[in-house]
Amino acid sequence: MIVKPVEFAESAICDLEEILAWYAEQQVPDVGERLVQELFARTEQLAEFPESGRIVPEFDVKTIRELIHPPFRLVYRIDSTKIWIVRVWRSERLLRLP
């Protein structure tokens, strides 16, 4: 089995920071921190099972996938050497095609 490292793109890091900020504004920073920790933990499976997420319906590209962790979508891209977490969005948000 080939294990690929999982890395977070700057866009995903910004998304996580916005999640923390939003929950802090709602006066429940502990909820935001717990959710972000859960999101990080959720990505650990990708190192060994990169295709375990579903193909993102809006793109229908085999290498762009997502894990659903309500209320969030962890969108990631599989390349030849690693897994890139590219966005972390609310589940109900649809991705826009370029």
PDB file of N, CA and C in Angstrom:
ATOM      1  N   MET A   1       0.845  -1.180   0.000  1.00  0.00           N
ATOM      2  CA  MET A   1       0.000   0.000   0.000  1.00  0.00           C
ATOM      3  C   MET A   1       0.892   1.246   0.000  1.00  0.00           C
ATOM      4  N   ILE A   2       0.588   2.184  -0.863  1.00  0.00           N
ATOM      5  CA  ILE A   2       1.331   3.441  -0.938  1.00  0.00           C
ATOM      6  C   ILE A   2       0.648   4.471  -0.050  1.00  0.00           C
ATOM      7  N   VAL A   3       1.413   5.048   0.854  1.00  0.00           N
ATOM      8  CA  VAL A   3       0.884   6.082   1.739  1.00  0.00           C
ATOM      9  C   VAL A   3       1.342   7.426   1.211  1.00  0.00           C
ATOM     10  N   LYS A   4       0.384   8.323   0.991  1.00  0.00           N
ATOM     11  CA  LYS A   4       0.689   9.665   0.496  1.00  0.00           C
ATOM     12  C   LYS A   4       0.506  10.678   1.625  1.00  0.00           C
ATOM     13  N   PRO A   5       1.413  11.646   1.729  1.00  0.00           N
ATOM     14  CA  PRO A   5       1.215  12.678   2.749  1.00  0.00           C
ATOM     15  C   PRO A   5      -0.001  13.541   2.425  1.00  0.00           C
ATOM     16  N   VAL A   6      -0.630  14.027   3.470  1.00  0.00           N
ATOM     17  CA  VAL A   6      -1.786  14.917   3.338  1.00  0.00           C
ATOM     18  C   VAL A   6      -1.338  16.314   3.753  1.00  0.00           C
ATOM     19  N   GLU A   7      -1.540  17.280   2.864  1.00  0.00           N
ATOM     20  CA  GLU A   7      -1.171  18.660   3.165  1.00  0.00           C
ATOM     21  C   GLU A   7      -2.363  19.575   2.929  1.00  0.00           C
ATOM     22  N   PHE A   8      -2.363  20.683   3.662  1.00  0.00           N
ATOM     23  CA  PHE A   8      -3.428  21.671   3.535  1.00  0.00           C
ATOM     24  C   PHE A   8      -2.938  22.838   2.688  1.00  0.00           C
ATOM     25  N   ALA A   9      -3.687  23.148   1.644  1.00  0.00           N
ATOM     26  CA  ALA A   9      -3.379  24.317   0.826  1.00  0.00           C
ATOM     27  C   ALA A   9      -3.725  25.573   1.621  1.00  0.00           C
ATOM     28  N   GLU A  10      -3.133  26.682   1.239  1.00  0.00           N
ATOM     29  CA  GLU A  10      -3.400  27.943   1.939  1.00  0.00           C
ATOM     30  C   GLU A  10      -4.887  28.275   1.951  1.00  0.00           C
ATOM     31  N   SER A  11      -5.584  27.957   0.861  1.00  0.00           N
ATOM     32  CA  SER A  11      -7.026  28.233   0.795  1.00  0.00           C
ATOM     33  C   SER A  11      -7.783  27.463   1.877  1.00  0.00           C
ATOM     34  N   ALA A  12      -7.397  26.221   2.138  1.00  0.00           N
ATOM     35  CA  ALA A  12      -8.056  25.425   3.174  1.00  0.00           C
ATOM     36  C   ALA A  12      -7.715  25.948   4.568  1.00  0.00           C
ATOM     37  N   ILE A  13      -6.481  26.379   4.750  1.00  0.00           N
ATOM     38  CA  ILE A  13      -6.090  26.950   6.046  1.00  0.00           C
ATOM     39  C   ILE A  13      -6.898  28.216   6.322  1.00  0.00           C
ATOM     40  N   CYS A  14      -7.078  29.039   5.298  1.00  0.00           N
ATOM     41  CA  CYS A  14      -7.910  30.246   5.455  1.00  0.00           C
ATOM     42  C   CYS A  14      -9.347  29.874   5.805  1.00  0.00           C
ATOM     43  N   ASP A  15      -9.870  28.831   5.161  1.00  0.00           N
ATOM     44  CA  ASP A  15     -11.228  28.375   5.471  1.00  0.00           C
ATOM     45  C   ASP A  15     -11.332  27.967   6.942  1.00  0.00           C
ATOM     46  N   LEU A  16     -10.336  27.236   7.435  1.00  0.00           N
ATOM     47  CA  LEU A  16     -10.354  26.792   8.839  1.00  0.00           C
ATOM     48  C   LEU A  16     -10.261  27.981   9.793  1.00  0.00           C
ATOM     49  N   GLU A  17      -9.453  28.968   9.438  1.00  0.00           N
ATOM     50  CA  GLU A  17      -9.352  30.171  10.271  1.00  0.00           C
ATOM     51  C   GLU A  17     -10.677  30.924  10.296  1.00  0.00           C
ATOM     52  N   GLU A  18     -11.372  30.963   9.148  1.00  0.00           N
ATOM     53  CA  GLU A  18     -12.680  31.623   9.095  1.00  0.00           C
ATOM     54  C   GLU A  18     -13.712  30.869   9.931  1.00  0.00           C
ATOM     55  N   ILE A  19     -13.623  29.557   9.936  1.00  0.00           N
ATOM     56  CA  ILE A  19     -14.529  28.756  10.765  1.00  0.00           C
ATOM     57  C   ILE A  19     -14.305  29.090  12.239  1.00  0.00           C
ATOM     58  N   LEU A  20     -13.045  29.117  12.659  1.00  0.00           N
ATOM     59  CA  LEU A  20     -12.727  29.463  14.050  1.00  0.00           C
ATOM     60  C   LEU A  20     -13.228  30.861  14.394  1.00  0.00           C
ATOM     61  N   ALA A  21     -13.018  31.809  13.493  1.00  0.00           N
ATOM     62  CA  ALA A  21     -13.444  33.191  13.737  1.00  0.00           C
ATOM     63  C   ALA A  21     -14.971  33.279  13.848  1.00  0.00           C
ATOM     64  N   TRP A  22     -15.682  32.574  12.980  1.00  0.00           N
ATOM     65  CA  TRP A  22     -17.145  32.635  12.996  1.00  0.00           C
ATOM     66  C   TRP A  22     -17.685  32.104  14.323  1.00  0.00           C
ATOM     67  N   TYR A  23     -17.172  30.964  14.763  1.00  0.00           N
ATOM     68  CA  TYR A  23     -17.650  30.405  16.026  1.00  0.00           C
ATOM     69  C   TYR A  23     -17.258  31.286  17.207  1.00  0.00           C
ATOM     70  N   ALA A  24     -16.114  31.934  17.126  1.00  0.00           N
ATOM     71  CA  ALA A  24     -15.712  32.870  18.186  1.00  0.00           C
ATOM     72  C   ALA A  24     -16.677  34.050  18.238  1.00  0.00           C
ATOM     73  N   GLU A  25     -17.092  34.560  17.062  1.00  0.00           N
ATOM     74  CA  GLU A  25     -18.065  35.658  17.006  1.00  0.00           C
ATOM     75  C   GLU A  25     -19.409  35.242  17.587  1.00  0.00           C
ATOM     76  N   GLN A  26     -19.733  33.964  17.475  1.00  0.00           N
ATOM     77  CA  GLN A  26     -20.993  33.447  18.007  1.00  0.00           C
ATOM     78  C   GLN A  26     -20.900  33.151  19.506  1.00  0.00           C
ATOM     79  N   GLN A  27     -19.750  33.478  20.097  1.00  0.00           N
ATOM     80  CA  GLN A  27     -19.507  33.272  21.527  1.00  0.00           C
ATOM     81  C   GLN A  27     -19.380  31.796  21.906  1.00  0.00           C
ATOM     82  N   VAL A  28     -19.007  30.947  20.935  1.00  0.00           N
ATOM     83  CA  VAL A  28     -18.787  29.524  21.214  1.00  0.00           C
ATOM     84  C   VAL A  28     -17.470  29.067  20.566  1.00  0.00           C
ATOM     85  N   PRO A  29     -16.360  29.685  20.973  1.00  0.00           N
ATOM     86  CA  PRO A  29     -15.087  29.326  20.337  1.00  0.00           C
ATOM     87  C   PRO A  29     -14.712  27.864  20.547  1.00  0.00           C
ATOM     88  N   ASP A  30     -15.157  27.269  21.644  1.00  0.00           N
ATOM     89  CA  ASP A  30     -14.845  25.861  21.893  1.00  0.00           C
ATOM     90  C   ASP A  30     -15.483  24.950  20.851  1.00  0.00           C
ATOM     91  N   VAL A  31     -16.653  25.331  20.346  1.00  0.00           N
ATOM     92  CA  VAL A  31     -17.312  24.544  19.296  1.00  0.00           C
ATOM     93  C   VAL A  31     -16.478  24.614  18.016  1.00  0.00           C
ATOM     94  N   GLY A  32     -16.012  25.797  17.659  1.00  0.00           N
ATOM     95  CA  GLY A  32     -15.174  25.949  16.475  1.00  0.00           C
ATOM     96  C   GLY A  32     -13.890  25.153  16.590  1.00  0.00           C
ATOM     97  N   GLU A  33     -13.257  25.221  17.743  1.00  0.00           N
ATOM     98  CA  GLU A  33     -12.014  24.472  17.953  1.00  0.00           C
ATOM     99  C   GLU A  33     -12.244  22.973  17.862  1.00  0.00           C
ATOM    100  N   ARG A  34     -13.347  22.506  18.430  1.00  0.00           N
ATOM    101  CA  ARG A  34     -13.665  21.071  18.363  1.00  0.00           C
ATOM    102  C   ARG A  34     -13.900  20.637  16.921  1.00  0.00           C
ATOM    103  N   LEU A  35     -14.662  21.444  16.168  1.00  0.00           N
ATOM    104  CA  LEU A  35     -14.941  21.101  14.780  1.00  0.00           C
ATOM    105  C   LEU A  35     -13.667  21.070  13.939  1.00  0.00           C
ATOM    106  N   VAL A  36     -12.790  22.038  14.134  1.00  0.00           N
ATOM    107  CA  VAL A  36     -11.543  22.072  13.363  1.00  0.00           C
ATOM    108  C   VAL A  36     -10.685  20.856  13.710  1.00  0.00           C
ATOM    109  N   GLN A  37     -10.636  20.483  14.969  1.00  0.00           N
ATOM    110  CA  GLN A  37      -9.892  19.276  15.361  1.00  0.00           C
ATOM    111  C   GLN A  37     -10.489  18.035  14.697  1.00  0.00           C
ATOM    112  N   GLU A  38     -11.817  17.963  14.662  1.00  0.00           N
ATOM    113  CA  GLU A  38     -12.483  16.834  14.013  1.00  0.00           C
ATOM    114  C   GLU A  38     -12.172  16.806  12.518  1.00  0.00           C
ATOM    115  N   LEU A  39     -12.130  17.980  11.892  1.00  0.00           N
ATOM    116  CA  LEU A  39     -11.831  18.047  10.459  1.00  0.00           C
ATOM    117  C   LEU A  39     -10.406  17.557  10.177  1.00  0.00           C
ATOM    118  N   PHE A  40      -9.459  17.969  11.000  1.00  0.00           N
ATOM    119  CA  PHE A  40      -8.086  17.474  10.845  1.00  0.00           C
ATOM    120  C   PHE A  40      -8.050  15.954  11.004  1.00  0.00           C
ATOM    121  N   ALA A  41      -8.724  15.443  12.018  1.00  0.00           N
ATOM    122  CA  ALA A  41      -8.741  14.001  12.257  1.00  0.00           C
ATOM    123  C   ALA A  41      -9.378  13.263  11.084  1.00  0.00           C
ATOM    124  N   ARG A  42     -10.403  13.861  10.506  1.00  0.00           N
ATOM    125  CA  ARG A  42     -11.123  13.226   9.392  1.00  0.00           C
ATOM    126  C   ARG A  42     -10.217  13.019   8.188  1.00  0.00           C
ATOM    127  N   THR A  43      -9.238  13.898   7.996  1.00  0.00           N
ATOM    128  CA  THR A  43      -8.360  13.791   6.825  1.00  0.00           C
ATOM    129  C   THR A  43      -7.303  12.703   6.967  1.00  0.00           C
ATOM    130  N   GLU A  44      -7.088  12.191   8.165  1.00  0.00           N
ATOM    131  CA  GLU A  44      -6.034  11.200   8.389  1.00  0.00           C
ATOM    132  C   GLU A  44      -6.216   9.938   7.551  1.00  0.00           C
ATOM    133  N   GLN A  45      -7.460   9.556   7.271  1.00  0.00           N
ATOM    134  CA  GLN A  45      -7.714   8.355   6.479  1.00  0.00           C
ATOM    135  C   GLN A  45      -7.194   8.475   5.055  1.00  0.00           C
ATOM    136  N   LEU A  46      -7.042   9.704   4.570  1.00  0.00           N
ATOM    137  CA  LEU A  46      -6.664   9.912   3.176  1.00  0.00           C
ATOM    138  C   LEU A  46      -5.250   9.451   2.852  1.00  0.00           C
ATOM    139  N   ALA A  47      -4.353   9.455   3.823  1.00  0.00           N
ATOM    140  CA  ALA A  47      -2.978   9.020   3.581  1.00  0.00           C
ATOM    141  C   ALA A  47      -2.942   7.584   3.055  1.00  0.00           C
ATOM    142  N   GLU A  48      -3.779   6.728   3.612  1.00  0.00           N
ATOM    143  CA  GLU A  48      -3.819   5.327   3.186  1.00  0.00           C
ATOM    144  C   GLU A  48      -4.932   5.032   2.189  1.00  0.00           C
ATOM    145  N   PHE A  49      -6.000   5.823   2.252  1.00  0.00           N
ATOM    146  CA  PHE A  49      -7.162   5.572   1.397  1.00  0.00           C
ATOM    147  C   PHE A  49      -7.570   6.855   0.662  1.00  0.00           C
ATOM    148  N   PRO A  50      -6.735   7.314  -0.264  1.00  0.00           N
ATOM    149  CA  PRO A  50      -7.001   8.602  -0.907  1.00  0.00           C
ATOM    150  C   PRO A  50      -8.307   8.667  -1.706  1.00  0.00           C
ATOM    151  N   GLU A  51      -8.784   7.535  -2.168  1.00  0.00           N
ATOM    152  CA  GLU A  51     -10.020   7.543  -2.949  1.00  0.00           C
ATOM    153  C   GLU A  51     -11.243   7.228  -2.105  1.00  0.00           C
ATOM    154  N   SER A  52     -11.110   7.342  -0.777  1.00  0.00           N
ATOM    155  CA  SER A  52     -12.237   7.023   0.102  1.00  0.00           C
ATOM    156  C   SER A  52     -13.330   8.080   0.072  1.00  0.00           C
ATOM    157  N   GLY A  53     -13.007   9.292  -0.342  1.00  0.00           N
ATOM    158  CA  GLY A  53     -14.027  10.325  -0.483  1.00  0.00           C
ATOM    159  C   GLY A  53     -14.749  10.189  -1.813  1.00  0.00           C
ATOM    160  N   ARG A  54     -15.912  10.803  -1.876  1.00  0.00           N
ATOM    161  CA  ARG A  54     -16.656  10.738  -3.134  1.00  0.00           C
ATOM    162  C   ARG A  54     -16.116  11.762  -4.119  1.00  0.00           C
ATOM    163  N   ILE A  55     -16.330  11.509  -5.392  1.00  0.00           N
ATOM    164  CA  ILE A  55     -15.979  12.468  -6.424  1.00  0.00           C
ATOM    165  C   ILE A  55     -16.898  13.671  -6.261  1.00  0.00           C
ATOM    166  N   VAL A  56     -16.336  14.889  -6.306  1.00  0.00           N
ATOM    167  CA  VAL A  56     -17.138  16.103  -6.144  1.00  0.00           C
ATOM    168  C   VAL A  56     -18.101  16.195  -7.334  1.00  0.00           C
ATOM    169  N   PRO A  57     -19.411  16.155  -7.067  1.00  0.00           N
ATOM    170  CA  PRO A  57     -20.395  16.127  -8.152  1.00  0.00           C
ATOM    171  C   PRO A  57     -20.287  17.313  -9.116  1.00  0.00           C
ATOM    172  N   GLU A  58     -19.942  18.486  -8.606  1.00  0.00           N
ATOM    173  CA  GLU A  58     -19.887  19.669  -9.465  1.00  0.00           C
ATOM    174  C   GLU A  58     -18.764  19.592 -10.501  1.00  0.00           C
ATOM    175  N   PHE A  59     -17.735  18.799 -10.216  1.00  0.00           N
ATOM    176  CA  PHE A  59     -16.605  18.696 -11.141  1.00  0.00           C
ATOM    177  C   PHE A  59     -16.582  17.385 -11.907  1.00  0.00           C
ATOM    178  N   ASP A  60     -17.001  16.303 -11.273  1.00  0.00           N
ATOM    179  CA  ASP A  60     -16.989  14.979 -11.886  1.00  0.00           C
ATOM    180  C   ASP A  60     -15.610  14.616 -12.438  1.00  0.00           C
ATOM    181  N   VAL A  61     -14.578  14.892 -11.608  1.00  0.00           N
ATOM    182  CA  VAL A  61     -13.193  14.572 -11.948  1.00  0.00           C
ATOM    183  C   VAL A  61     -12.689  13.599 -10.884  1.00  0.00           C
ATOM    184  N   LYS A  62     -12.113  12.487 -11.317  1.00  0.00           N
ATOM    185  CA  LYS A  62     -11.713  11.426 -10.387  1.00  0.00           C
ATOM    186  C   LYS A  62     -10.721  11.884  -9.318  1.00  0.00           C
ATOM    187  N   THR A  63      -9.900  12.867  -9.616  1.00  0.00           N
ATOM    188  CA  THR A  63      -8.871  13.301  -8.662  1.00  0.00           C
ATOM    189  C   THR A  63      -9.317  14.441  -7.745  1.00  0.00           C
ATOM    190  N   ILE A  64     -10.532  14.931  -7.914  1.00  0.00           N
ATOM    191  CA  ILE A  64     -11.073  15.959  -7.021  1.00  0.00           C
ATOM    192  C   ILE A  64     -12.219  15.324  -6.247  1.00  0.00           C
ATOM    193  N   ARG A  65     -11.985  15.144  -4.962  1.00  0.00           N
ATOM    194  CA  ARG A  65     -12.916  14.394  -4.126  1.00  0.00           C
ATOM    195  C   ARG A  65     -13.256  15.181  -2.867  1.00  0.00           C
ATOM    196  N   GLU A  66     -14.176  14.632  -2.103  1.00  0.00           N
ATOM    197  CA  GLU A  66     -14.549  15.300  -0.861  1.00  0.00           C
ATOM    198  C   GLU A  66     -14.946  14.290   0.196  1.00  0.00           C
ATOM    199  N   LEU A  67     -14.679  14.690   1.421  1.00  0.00           N
ATOM    200  CA  LEU A  67     -15.184  13.980   2.586  1.00  0.00           C
ATOM    201  C   LEU A  67     -16.249  14.877   3.199  1.00  0.00           C
ATOM    202  N   ILE A  68     -17.332  14.297   3.585  1.00  0.00           N
ATOM    203  CA  ILE A  68     -18.398  15.055   4.230  1.00  0.00           C
ATOM    204  C   ILE A  68     -18.257  14.855   5.738  1.00  0.00           C
ATOM    205  N   HIS A  69     -18.153  15.965   6.440  1.00  0.00           N
ATOM    206  CA  HIS A  69     -18.135  15.956   7.903  1.00  0.00           C
ATOM    207  C   HIS A  69     -19.099  17.074   8.313  1.00  0.00           C
ATOM    208  N   PRO A  70     -20.394  16.721   8.449  1.00  0.00           N
ATOM    209  CA  PRO A  70     -21.401  17.752   8.682  1.00  0.00           C
ATOM    210  C   PRO A  70     -21.011  18.721   9.792  1.00  0.00           C
ATOM    211  N   PRO A  71     -21.193  20.002   9.541  1.00  0.00           N
ATOM    212  CA  PRO A  71     -21.809  20.619   8.367  1.00  0.00           C
ATOM    213  C   PRO A  71     -20.799  21.037   7.298  1.00  0.00           C
ATOM    214  N   PHE A  72     -19.683  20.322   7.148  1.00  0.00           N
ATOM    215  CA  PHE A  72     -18.636  20.755   6.223  1.00  0.00           C
ATOM    216  C   PHE A  72     -18.311  19.726   5.147  1.00  0.00           C
ATOM    217  N   ARG A  73     -17.759  20.254   4.060  1.00  0.00           N
ATOM    218  CA  ARG A  73     -17.213  19.457   2.965  1.00  0.00           C
ATOM    219  C   ARG A  73     -15.708  19.707   2.946  1.00  0.00           C
ATOM    220  N   LEU A  74     -14.923  18.655   3.036  1.00  0.00           N
ATOM    221  CA  LEU A  74     -13.472  18.746   2.912  1.00  0.00           C
ATOM    222  C   LEU A  74     -13.127  18.361   1.480  1.00  0.00           C
ATOM    223  N   VAL A  75     -12.836  19.345   0.666  1.00  0.00           N
ATOM    224  CA  VAL A  75     -12.545  19.101  -0.744  1.00  0.00           C
ATOM    225  C   VAL A  75     -11.043  18.907  -0.896  1.00  0.00           C
ATOM    226  N   TYR A  76     -10.669  17.830  -1.575  1.00  0.00           N
ATOM    227  CA  TYR A  76      -9.246  17.540  -1.730  1.00  0.00           C
ATOM    228  C   TYR A  76      -8.926  17.090  -3.148  1.00  0.00           C
ATOM    229  N   ARG A  77      -7.639  17.205  -3.473  1.00  0.00           N
ATOM    230  CA  ARG A  77      -7.148  16.821  -4.796  1.00  0.00           C
ATOM    231  C   ARG A  77      -6.051  15.781  -4.608  1.00  0.00           C
ATOM    232  N   ILE A  78      -6.123  14.749  -5.400  1.00  0.00           N
ATOM    233  CA  ILE A  78      -5.104  13.699  -5.368  1.00  0.00           C
ATOM    234  C   ILE A  78      -4.127  13.980  -6.498  1.00  0.00           C
ATOM    235  N   ASP A  79      -2.827  14.105  -6.165  1.00  0.00           N
ATOM    236  CA  ASP A  79      -1.843  14.188  -7.235  1.00  0.00           C
ATOM    237  C   ASP A  79      -0.875  13.024  -7.100  1.00  0.00           C
ATOM    238  N   SER A  80       0.150  12.991  -7.890  1.00  0.00           N
ATOM    239  CA  SER A  80       1.033  11.820  -7.931  1.00  0.00           C
ATOM    240  C   SER A  80       1.827  11.604  -6.653  1.00  0.00           C
ATOM    241  N   THR A  81       2.046  12.655  -5.868  1.00  0.00           N
ATOM    242  CA  THR A  81       2.890  12.506  -4.679  1.00  0.00           C
ATOM    243  C   THR A  81       2.194  12.775  -3.360  1.00  0.00           C
ATOM    244  N   LYS A  82       1.064  13.467  -3.374  1.00  0.00           N
ATOM    245  CA  LYS A  82       0.408  13.801  -2.106  1.00  0.00           C
ATOM    246  C   LYS A  82      -1.072  14.090  -2.296  1.00  0.00           C
ATOM    247  N   ILE A  83      -1.726  14.273  -1.163  1.00  0.00           N
ATOM    248  CA  ILE A  83      -3.139  14.655  -1.117  1.00  0.00           C
ATOM    249  C   ILE A  83      -3.176  16.099  -0.651  1.00  0.00           C
ATOM    250  N   TRP A  84      -3.874  16.949  -1.394  1.00  0.00           N
ATOM    251  CA  TRP A  84      -4.000  18.364  -1.033  1.00  0.00           C
ATOM    252  C   TRP A  84      -5.418  18.649  -0.585  1.00  0.00           C
ATOM    253  N   ILE A  85      -5.583  19.063   0.666  1.00  0.00           N
ATOM    254  CA  ILE A  85      -6.886  19.560   1.122  1.00  0.00           C
ATOM    255  C   ILE A  85      -6.957  20.980   0.580  1.00  0.00           C
ATOM    256  N   VAL A  86      -7.922  21.250  -0.305  1.00  0.00           N
ATOM    257  CA  VAL A  86      -7.948  22.550  -0.970  1.00  0.00           C
ATOM    258  C   VAL A  86      -9.012  23.502  -0.432  1.00  0.00           C
ATOM    259  N   ARG A  87     -10.119  22.974   0.069  1.00  0.00           N
ATOM    260  CA  ARG A  87     -11.170  23.849   0.620  1.00  0.00           C
ATOM    261  C   ARG A  87     -11.908  23.121   1.730  1.00  0.00           C
ATOM    262  N   VAL A  88     -12.460  23.908   2.633  1.00  0.00           N
ATOM    263  CA  VAL A  88     -13.334  23.391   3.687  1.00  0.00           C
ATOM    264  C   VAL A  88     -14.546  24.311   3.693  1.00  0.00           C
ATOM    265  N   TRP A  89     -15.659  23.792   3.209  1.00  0.00           N
ATOM    266  CA  TRP A  89     -16.852  24.610   3.041  1.00  0.00           C
ATOM    267  C   TRP A  89     -18.056  23.994   3.735  1.00  0.00           C
ATOM    268  N   ARG A  90     -19.058  24.829   3.957  1.00  0.00           N
ATOM    269  CA  ARG A  90     -20.331  24.338   4.484  1.00  0.00           C
ATOM    270  C   ARG A  90     -20.913  23.325   3.501  1.00  0.00           C
ATOM    271  N   SER A  91     -21.544  22.290   4.012  1.00  0.00           N
ATOM    272  CA  SER A  91     -22.061  21.204   3.170  1.00  0.00           C
ATOM    273  C   SER A  91     -23.064  21.664   2.127  1.00  0.00           C
ATOM    274  N   GLU A  92     -23.860  22.658   2.468  1.00  0.00           N
ATOM    275  CA  GLU A  92     -24.898  23.080   1.527  1.00  0.00           C
ATOM    276  C   GLU A  92     -24.371  23.982   0.416  1.00  0.00           C
ATOM    277  N   ARG A  93     -23.132  24.415   0.529  1.00  0.00           N
ATOM    278  CA  ARG A  93     -22.554  25.314  -0.479  1.00  0.00           C
ATOM    279  C   ARG A  93     -22.132  24.518  -1.712  1.00  0.00           C
ATOM    280  N   LEU A  94     -22.566  24.981  -2.868  1.00  0.00           N
ATOM    281  CA  LEU A  94     -22.166  24.348  -4.120  1.00  0.00           C
ATOM    282  C   LEU A  94     -20.888  24.986  -4.610  1.00  0.00           C
ATOM    283  N   LEU A  95     -20.020  24.181  -5.167  1.00  0.00           N
ATOM    284  CA  LEU A  95     -18.773  24.704  -5.734  1.00  0.00           C
ATOM    285  C   LEU A  95     -19.073  25.356  -7.067  1.00  0.00           C
ATOM    286  N   ARG A  96     -18.358  26.408  -7.362  1.00  0.00           N
ATOM    287  CA  ARG A  96     -18.514  27.069  -8.656  1.00  0.00           C
ATOM    288  C   ARG A  96     -17.455  26.541  -9.606  1.00  0.00           C
ATOM    289  N   LEU A  97     -17.868  26.281 -10.799  1.00  0.00           N
ATOM    290  CA  LEU A  97     -16.923  25.842 -11.827  1.00  0.00           C
ATOM    291  C   LEU A  97     -16.257  27.083 -12.420  1.00  0.00           C
ATOM    292  N   PRO A  98     -14.973  26.960 -12.777  1.00  0.00           N
ATOM    293  CA  PRO A  98     -14.270  28.134 -13.358  1.00  0.00           C
ATOM    294  C   PRO A  98     -14.831  28.513 -14.707  1.00  0.00           C
TER     295      PRO A  98
END
